[in-house]
Each structure stands twice: as C-alpha cells, then as structure tokens.
C-alpha cells in the first residue's frame, strides 16, 4: 500500500490476541492505511485483506484519530454485497501527524460571532457573479472583525516561525501547521492545514456557498496564506507607482488543468491597502474571463509555453479590500497578484471550496470548462 502506517483490527472477544494475516478463513482482518495526497490532503482508507482496493475513505483534518472525518464509500463493495454506513475499528496504535493546531470538521460550523441573518444569494449577487465571475461581501455584514484579527496574528506567527527556522537553518516547527512542502513556493503561497483559527472565517458564508454550490460546502483541509511583500529596493520611490503589466499576465488556478478540483475561490483580506498607493499587492481579476471559451481552449498550451503569444484579456481590476472583506470567485476566473508598491505586507487567506458531493461523485466537474456553471447549479 502507498500509506506508511497500517493498523490491524482487534478481536473484540480477545483484545490481547494478535490478528492472523495469513489465515484466510473466518472473519477477514480489516485495517487502516494512511495516504498523503498531492494537494496536501491526508486521507485514511479502510481496506480488507485480500481485496485490491479500499472500500471507504475519510479525510483527516488535524490530529489522528480525532480529526478523522466521516467515512465515505469510494466505489468498492464487499463480495457479499454488504456496505457498512460507518465502519468502526479499534486499532492497535494511534499516532498524531505532528500538527498542533485545532482540528476542524469537514462540515462548516456556526460561530458565535456570526450575524443573526447570514448572507444569501440575492438576484443582484447572482447576476454579478454570472457576469463578472466574482462577488465581494464586506466585513460589516459578516461580523468577522475579531476572527480576522486572530487570523492575521496567526499568519504573522507563521511568517516569524518560517523566518526563524530559515535563519537557524532548521526545518519549520510542526506547530506552524504547514502541509508537506507547504512553504516551498515562497511567502505568496504558504499552504497550511485548515485549523479552527482560519476555518472560522468561512462560517458566515456557509449558507451563501450552499446556495451557489447546490450542496453543502466541504471545509477545505488546506488553505493558502498569501503574503505580498513590498517590491523593489528600500531606496526606491514607491508611493505613486502602479502595476504596469499587460493584460496577458495572469493565471487560472490548477496549473493548466481547468478541472481544478474546486468550484469557488474564497479570499479574505486581513490587512488594509495603503491609502497613498496605486498598487498594493491586492488580488487583481479579469472580469468575465470565467466564461471565455477561447481562453479556456488556449490556456493549457499557454501555461506550457507551447504558443508564441498569450491571449490579452484587457485591463484587469485590482480589488480594494479592507480587513474582513471577502471575495467569492469562480474557479475559472483569471487573476494575478498586483505588485506591492507600498511600505508594508499585504496579507490574505484563500480557500478553495467544493461541494460535499465531490467526495462521492468522481464526475462532479466533468462538464468543466465547456459549461462553466455546471458545478454551480445554484
């Protein structure tokens, strides 16, 4: 098996007995094995000795075993046709993954600071999202000010921990909550396990996302801390500078694969843009690009540099977001980070959200990108 840890089921009648892996008769031995997915997700799978494929899987968010989420059937059925809705195993050993952050549920939970009336998908919001590929909700209607302050502190602690580890030539400590290789892409793309600290930011959006997805949203097991450092040298004049890049400088999430395994990009601003700046490192979007079929056809070749020219999408929009202001964007929306010609960092947290049905339906995004709203039936 691909997973490094295997746990054998204990015989309830004799908890001290050793399971006999070589004995094919009688009750089969069940075991769990751990698999680290390429996207940073950790999953435990339930298998039966002699079967080629695991029949159930549960995503791990936080510590094992408390962070093990609901078991889901992955397409294999026992030979006798029986399917257990929620298999329970007693295991010989329980081990933590080293993550010290508070585990969260795969389902989005209410928060004490949520507004009395949660935001919903109004006709105006639906029309704007369909037209532009994104909408913005302001912090005042989300009631997230305290949560944003706590998340900003968490991001700063991660940056401090990474800096100290680099200076000491040590590996980042596990309490930072980094995924495997989560800091390899630099400060603009730090990947951490979604602890309760960050997960709470999604709570006031849960009803709106459910309406858009046509299903309950799954809590992403990994989130992105995007930290935009100031550009240039300390001696440079920066107040009046702007981002002069052309409309052919952008990307769509997924590294060239437009079935990019999520439906909504959620971005929560943690810092304010400098009032004197014309380019503050904010998210910059190309409205309407989520429905641009020519772009979608050409993009895989563009990302591989297999074409001489990239499609020019025209003038983008740098979004001016105050702390707690939240972007909800289509997974196919072309975007980039603006250059940061200010005196300070710009911090933002990103989540890539998909519907719960994606866990059991491998075809949930099969019609993307030809039908850009197929995974957003709301």
Foldseek 3Di string as FASTA:
>chain_A
DQFPDKWKFADPVDRVDDDDLVDPDDDWIKIKGWDQDPVLWIKIFIPTRPDPDTQWIWTAFFWPPVRTAFIDGAPDADPVRDDDRGDDGDTDDGDTPQEPFAGDYQFQDADPQADPDFDACDPVNVVQCVFFQKDKDAQVNGRCVVLLQLVVVLLVVLVVQVVVCVVVVHDRHNHNQFGVCQCVVHQQWRKGFDGPSNSNLCNSCQNHQCQQQVAGKTFDRMKTKGKAWADDDPPDQQLEDWFPDFQQDWDFPQLLDQPRPFFKKKKFWSAFADPRHRAAFAKKWLTPQLLVVVLNVCRSCVSVVVDPDGDRSGDIGGDGGHGSMMMIGGNGTIIDTIHHRDDGMTIMMIDGIAHPCVVHDVCLCVCPPVPSSSSGPD
